[in-house]
PDB file of all heavy atoms in Angstrom:
ATOM      1  N   ASN A   1      10.464  -2.782  -3.961  1.00  0.00           N
ATOM      2  CA  ASN A   1       9.848  -3.823  -3.147  1.00  0.00           C
ATOM      3  C   ASN A   1      10.380  -3.776  -1.720  1.00  0.00           C
ATOM      4  O   ASN A   1       9.644  -4.017  -0.765  1.00  0.00           O
ATOM      5  CB  ASN A   1      10.083  -5.196  -3.767  1.00  0.00           C
ATOM      6  CG  ASN A   1       9.262  -5.398  -5.012  1.00  0.00           C
ATOM      7  OD1 ASN A   1       8.275  -4.714  -5.246  1.00  0.00           O
ATOM      8  ND2 ASN A   1       9.676  -6.342  -5.837  1.00  0.00           N
ATOM      9  N   ARG A   2      11.649  -3.463  -1.560  1.00  0.00           N
ATOM     10  CA  ARG A   2      12.258  -3.354  -0.230  1.00  0.00           C
ATOM     11  C   ARG A   2      11.624  -2.213   0.569  1.00  0.00           C
ATOM     12  O   ARG A   2      11.297  -2.363   1.747  1.00  0.00           O
ATOM     13  CB  ARG A   2      13.773  -3.143  -0.378  1.00  0.00           C
ATOM     14  CG  ARG A   2      14.521  -2.836   0.875  1.00  0.00           C
ATOM     15  CD  ARG A   2      14.443  -3.989   1.851  1.00  0.00           C
ATOM     16  NE  ARG A   2      15.040  -3.599   3.104  1.00  0.00           N
ATOM     17  CZ  ARG A   2      15.820  -4.362   3.801  1.00  0.00           C
ATOM     18  NH1 ARG A   2      16.095  -5.584   3.386  1.00  0.00           N
ATOM     19  NH2 ARG A   2      16.324  -3.949   4.930  1.00  0.00           N
ATOM     20  N   GLU A   3      11.437  -1.066  -0.086  1.00  0.00           N
ATOM     21  CA  GLU A   3      10.812   0.076   0.591  1.00  0.00           C
ATOM     22  C   GLU A   3       9.367  -0.227   0.976  1.00  0.00           C
ATOM     23  O   GLU A   3       8.922   0.132   2.070  1.00  0.00           O
ATOM     24  CB  GLU A   3      10.886   1.321  -0.294  1.00  0.00           C
ATOM     25  CG  GLU A   3      12.298   1.844  -0.460  1.00  0.00           C
ATOM     26  CD  GLU A   3      12.439   2.880  -1.551  1.00  0.00           C
ATOM     27  OE1 GLU A   3      11.724   2.788  -2.587  1.00  0.00           O
ATOM     28  OE2 GLU A   3      13.275   3.785  -1.375  1.00  0.00           O
ATOM     29  N   LEU A   4       8.653  -0.898   0.085  1.00  0.00           N
ATOM     30  CA  LEU A   4       7.280  -1.295   0.402  1.00  0.00           C
ATOM     31  C   LEU A   4       7.266  -2.259   1.575  1.00  0.00           C
ATOM     32  O   LEU A   4       6.426  -2.145   2.478  1.00  0.00           O
ATOM     33  CB  LEU A   4       6.612  -1.937  -0.819  1.00  0.00           C
ATOM     34  CG  LEU A   4       6.212  -0.994  -1.943  1.00  0.00           C
ATOM     35  CD1 LEU A   4       5.785  -1.796  -3.174  1.00  0.00           C
ATOM     36  CD2 LEU A   4       5.120  -0.038  -1.510  1.00  0.00           C
ATOM     37  N   ASP A   5       8.202  -3.196   1.589  1.00  0.00           N
ATOM     38  CA  ASP A   5       8.304  -4.157   2.685  1.00  0.00           C
ATOM     39  C   ASP A   5       8.574  -3.441   4.004  1.00  0.00           C
ATOM     40  O   ASP A   5       8.015  -3.804   5.042  1.00  0.00           O
ATOM     41  CB  ASP A   5       9.401  -5.184   2.393  1.00  0.00           C
ATOM     42  CG  ASP A   5       9.402  -6.317   3.389  1.00  0.00           C
ATOM     43  OD1 ASP A   5       8.318  -6.889   3.645  1.00  0.00           O
ATOM     44  OD2 ASP A   5      10.490  -6.632   3.922  1.00  0.00           O
ATOM     45  N   ASP A   6       9.402  -2.407   3.971  1.00  0.00           N
ATOM     46  CA  ASP A   6       9.678  -1.624   5.178  1.00  0.00           C
ATOM     47  C   ASP A   6       8.403  -0.966   5.710  1.00  0.00           C
ATOM     48  O   ASP A   6       8.277  -0.735   6.916  1.00  0.00           O
ATOM     49  CB  ASP A   6      10.732  -0.545   4.911  1.00  0.00           C
ATOM     50  CG  ASP A   6      12.139  -1.112   4.741  1.00  0.00           C
ATOM     51  OD1 ASP A   6      12.362  -2.283   5.107  1.00  0.00           O
ATOM     52  OD2 ASP A   6      13.003  -0.377   4.235  1.00  0.00           O
ATOM     53  N   LEU A   7       7.477  -0.651   4.809  1.00  0.00           N
ATOM     54  CA  LEU A   7       6.200  -0.064   5.195  1.00  0.00           C
ATOM     55  C   LEU A   7       5.162  -1.124   5.571  1.00  0.00           C
ATOM     56  O   LEU A   7       4.048  -0.802   5.978  1.00  0.00           O
ATOM     57  CB  LEU A   7       5.636   0.794   4.053  1.00  0.00           C
ATOM     58  CG  LEU A   7       6.446   2.027   3.677  1.00  0.00           C
ATOM     59  CD1 LEU A   7       5.874   2.670   2.425  1.00  0.00           C
ATOM     60  CD2 LEU A   7       6.470   3.016   4.829  1.00  0.00           C
ATOM     61  N   GLY A   8       5.531  -2.390   5.394  1.00  0.00           N
ATOM     62  CA  GLY A   8       4.613  -3.477   5.690  1.00  0.00           C
ATOM     63  C   GLY A   8       3.601  -3.718   4.586  1.00  0.00           C
ATOM     64  O   GLY A   8       2.517  -4.236   4.833  1.00  0.00           O
ATOM     65  N   LEU A   9       3.974  -3.331   3.351  1.00  0.00           N
ATOM     66  CA  LEU A   9       3.078  -3.485   2.205  1.00  0.00           C
ATOM     67  C   LEU A   9       3.708  -4.372   1.148  1.00  0.00           C
ATOM     68  O   LEU A   9       4.924  -4.452   1.038  1.00  0.00           O
ATOM     69  CB  LEU A   9       2.795  -2.127   1.559  1.00  0.00           C
ATOM     70  CG  LEU A   9       2.101  -1.075   2.406  1.00  0.00           C
ATOM     71  CD1 LEU A   9       2.070   0.250   1.667  1.00  0.00           C
ATOM     72  CD2 LEU A   9       0.700  -1.520   2.754  1.00  0.00           C
ATOM     73  N   SER A  10       2.847  -4.980   0.363  1.00  0.00           N
ATOM     74  CA  SER A  10       3.314  -5.673  -0.832  1.00  0.00           C
ATOM     75  C   SER A  10       2.766  -4.914  -2.035  1.00  0.00           C
ATOM     76  O   SER A  10       1.827  -4.119  -1.915  1.00  0.00           O
ATOM     77  CB  SER A  10       2.835  -7.124  -0.858  1.00  0.00           C
ATOM     78  OG  SER A  10       1.437  -7.174  -1.002  1.00  0.00           O
ATOM     79  N   ARG A  11       3.346  -5.139  -3.172  1.00  0.00           N
ATOM     80  CA  ARG A  11       2.931  -4.435  -4.385  1.00  0.00           C
ATOM     81  C   ARG A  11       1.445  -4.690  -4.697  1.00  0.00           C
ATOM     82  O   ARG A  11       0.750  -3.809  -5.187  1.00  0.00           O
ATOM     83  CB  ARG A  11       3.811  -4.887  -5.550  1.00  0.00           C
ATOM     84  CG  ARG A  11       3.805  -3.905  -6.684  1.00  0.00           C
ATOM     85  CD  ARG A  11       5.048  -3.962  -7.526  1.00  0.00           C
ATOM     86  NE  ARG A  11       6.269  -3.524  -6.885  1.00  0.00           N
ATOM     87  CZ  ARG A  11       6.627  -2.257  -6.692  1.00  0.00           C
ATOM     88  NH1 ARG A  11       5.832  -1.290  -7.074  1.00  0.00           N
ATOM     89  NH2 ARG A  11       7.763  -1.961  -6.133  1.00  0.00           N
ATOM     90  N   SER A  12       0.964  -5.877  -4.350  1.00  0.00           N
ATOM     91  CA  SER A  12      -0.440  -6.204  -4.634  1.00  0.00           C
ATOM     92  C   SER A  12      -1.424  -5.438  -3.748  1.00  0.00           C
ATOM     93  O   SER A  12      -2.614  -5.395  -4.049  1.00  0.00           O
ATOM     94  CB  SER A  12      -0.678  -7.704  -4.475  1.00  0.00           C
ATOM     95  OG  SER A  12      -0.466  -8.095  -3.131  1.00  0.00           O
ATOM     96  N   GLU A  13      -0.942  -4.807  -2.688  1.00  0.00           N
ATOM     97  CA  GLU A  13      -1.817  -4.056  -1.786  1.00  0.00           C
ATOM     98  C   GLU A  13      -1.923  -2.570  -2.128  1.00  0.00           C
ATOM     99  O   GLU A  13      -2.699  -1.845  -1.514  1.00  0.00           O
ATOM    100  CB  GLU A  13      -1.301  -4.177  -0.347  1.00  0.00           C
ATOM    101  CG  GLU A  13      -1.354  -5.572   0.206  1.00  0.00           C
ATOM    102  CD  GLU A  13      -0.707  -5.677   1.554  1.00  0.00           C
ATOM    103  OE1 GLU A  13       0.519  -5.469   1.645  1.00  0.00           O
ATOM    104  OE2 GLU A  13      -1.440  -5.953   2.522  1.00  0.00           O
ATOM    105  N   ILE A  14      -1.168  -2.119  -3.107  1.00  0.00           N
ATOM    106  CA  ILE A  14      -1.112  -0.692  -3.419  1.00  0.00           C
ATOM    107  C   ILE A  14      -2.490  -0.124  -3.733  1.00  0.00           C
ATOM    108  O   ILE A  14      -2.880   0.911  -3.182  1.00  0.00           O
ATOM    109  CB  ILE A  14      -0.125  -0.412  -4.576  1.00  0.00           C
ATOM    110  CG1 ILE A  14       1.311  -0.635  -4.088  1.00  0.00           C
ATOM    111  CG2 ILE A  14      -0.308   0.988  -5.135  1.00  0.00           C
ATOM    112  CD1 ILE A  14       2.363  -0.502  -5.172  1.00  0.00           C
ATOM    113  N   GLU A  15      -3.257  -0.765  -4.587  1.00  0.00           N
ATOM    114  CA  GLU A  15      -4.567  -0.228  -4.964  1.00  0.00           C
ATOM    115  C   GLU A  15      -5.524  -0.199  -3.776  1.00  0.00           C
ATOM    116  O   GLU A  15      -6.284   0.759  -3.612  1.00  0.00           O
ATOM    117  CB  GLU A  15      -5.152  -1.002  -6.132  1.00  0.00           C
ATOM    118  CG  GLU A  15      -4.405  -0.740  -7.420  1.00  0.00           C
ATOM    119  CD  GLU A  15      -5.057  -1.398  -8.615  1.00  0.00           C
ATOM    120  OE1 GLU A  15      -6.227  -1.808  -8.517  1.00  0.00           O
ATOM    121  OE2 GLU A  15      -4.387  -1.485  -9.655  1.00  0.00           O
ATOM    122  N   PHE A  16      -5.470  -1.224  -2.923  1.00  0.00           N
ATOM    123  CA  PHE A  16      -6.322  -1.244  -1.738  1.00  0.00           C
ATOM    124  C   PHE A  16      -5.971  -0.085  -0.801  1.00  0.00           C
ATOM    125  O   PHE A  16      -6.862   0.630  -0.322  1.00  0.00           O
ATOM    126  CB  PHE A  16      -6.188  -2.574  -0.997  1.00  0.00           C
ATOM    127  CG  PHE A  16      -6.897  -2.585   0.326  1.00  0.00           C
ATOM    128  CD1 PHE A  16      -8.271  -2.726   0.377  1.00  0.00           C
ATOM    129  CD2 PHE A  16      -6.183  -2.455   1.508  1.00  0.00           C
ATOM    130  CE1 PHE A  16      -8.933  -2.719   1.600  1.00  0.00           C
ATOM    131  CE2 PHE A  16      -6.845  -2.452   2.729  1.00  0.00           C
ATOM    132  CZ  PHE A  16      -8.211  -2.591   2.773  1.00  0.00           C
ATOM    133  N   VAL A  17      -4.685   0.118  -0.571  1.00  0.00           N
ATOM    134  CA  VAL A  17      -4.245   1.199   0.312  1.00  0.00           C
ATOM    135  C   VAL A  17      -4.643   2.550  -0.296  1.00  0.00           C
ATOM    136  O   VAL A  17      -5.115   3.445   0.415  1.00  0.00           O
ATOM    137  CB  VAL A  17      -2.716   1.130   0.540  1.00  0.00           C
ATOM    138  CG1 VAL A  17      -2.192   2.373   1.235  1.00  0.00           C
ATOM    139  CG2 VAL A  17      -2.363  -0.113   1.326  1.00  0.00           C
ATOM    140  N   ALA A  18      -4.480   2.697  -1.593  1.00  0.00           N
ATOM    141  CA  ALA A  18      -4.832   3.952  -2.257  1.00  0.00           C
ATOM    142  C   ALA A  18      -6.329   4.220  -2.150  1.00  0.00           C
ATOM    143  O   ALA A  18      -6.741   5.354  -1.894  1.00  0.00           O
ATOM    144  CB  ALA A  18      -4.403   3.901  -3.718  1.00  0.00           C
ATOM    145  N   ARG A  19      -7.160   3.187  -2.321  1.00  0.00           N
ATOM    146  CA  ARG A  19      -8.602   3.370  -2.195  1.00  0.00           C
ATOM    147  C   ARG A  19      -8.971   3.775  -0.775  1.00  0.00           C
ATOM    148  O   ARG A  19      -9.793   4.671  -0.568  1.00  0.00           O
ATOM    149  CB  ARG A  19      -9.353   2.080  -2.551  1.00  0.00           C
ATOM    150  CG  ARG A  19      -9.742   2.031  -4.002  1.00  0.00           C
ATOM    151  CD  ARG A  19     -10.653   0.844  -4.315  1.00  0.00           C
ATOM    152  NE  ARG A  19      -9.886  -0.058  -5.158  1.00  0.00           N
ATOM    153  CZ  ARG A  19      -9.422  -1.242  -4.793  1.00  0.00           C
ATOM    154  NH1 ARG A  19      -9.698  -1.726  -3.613  1.00  0.00           N
ATOM    155  NH2 ARG A  19      -8.715  -1.973  -5.610  1.00  0.00           N
ATOM    156  N   SER A  20      -8.335   3.144   0.207  1.00  0.00           N
ATOM    157  CA  SER A  20      -8.595   3.489   1.606  1.00  0.00           C
ATOM    158  C   SER A  20      -8.192   4.918   1.903  1.00  0.00           C
ATOM    159  O   SER A  20      -8.905   5.645   2.592  1.00  0.00           O
ATOM    160  CB  SER A  20      -7.828   2.538   2.527  1.00  0.00           C
ATOM    161  OG  SER A  20      -8.246   1.222   2.337  1.00  0.00           O
ATOM    162  N   HIS A  21      -7.050   5.327   1.372  1.00  0.00           N
ATOM    163  CA  HIS A  21      -6.559   6.689   1.583  1.00  0.00           C
ATOM    164  C   HIS A  21      -7.479   7.716   0.913  1.00  0.00           C
ATOM    165  O   HIS A  21      -7.785   8.750   1.498  1.00  0.00           O
ATOM    166  CB  HIS A  21      -5.139   6.834   1.045  1.00  0.00           C
ATOM    167  CG  HIS A  21      -4.609   8.223   1.091  1.00  0.00           C
ATOM    168  ND1 HIS A  21      -4.276   8.838   2.270  1.00  0.00           N
ATOM    169  CD2 HIS A  21      -4.390   9.123   0.124  1.00  0.00           C
ATOM    170  CE1 HIS A  21      -3.860  10.071   2.018  1.00  0.00           C
ATOM    171  NE2 HIS A  21      -3.928  10.265   0.717  1.00  0.00           N
ATOM    172  N   ALA A  22      -7.938   7.411  -0.276  1.00  0.00           N
ATOM    173  CA  ALA A  22      -8.796   8.344  -1.009  1.00  0.00           C
ATOM    174  C   ALA A  22     -10.144   8.513  -0.318  1.00  0.00           C
ATOM    175  O   ALA A  22     -10.733   9.593  -0.371  1.00  0.00           O
ATOM    176  CB  ALA A  22      -8.996   7.867  -2.442  1.00  0.00           C
ATOM    177  N   ALA A  23     -10.613   7.472   0.340  1.00  0.00           N
ATOM    178  CA  ALA A  23     -11.912   7.528   1.003  1.00  0.00           C
ATOM    179  C   ALA A  23     -11.844   8.314   2.309  1.00  0.00           C
ATOM    180  O   ALA A  23     -12.866   8.785   2.800  1.00  0.00           O
ATOM    181  CB  ALA A  23     -12.418   6.118   1.278  1.00  0.00           C
ATOM    182  N   ALA A  24     -10.668   8.469   2.845  1.00  0.00           N
ATOM    183  CA  ALA A  24     -10.516   9.162   4.146  1.00  0.00           C
ATOM    184  C   ALA A  24     -10.693  10.644   4.035  1.00  0.00           C
ATOM    185  O   ALA A  24     -10.659  11.270   3.068  1.00  0.00           O
ATOM    186  CB  ALA A  24      -9.156   8.850   4.729  1.00  0.00           C
TER     187      ALA A  24
END
């Protein structure tokens, strides 16, 4: 959670970020 926070992400955003990355 600390590493995700350093990236400006929360655990609940992982799937959204992954979908955005896959679409790129």
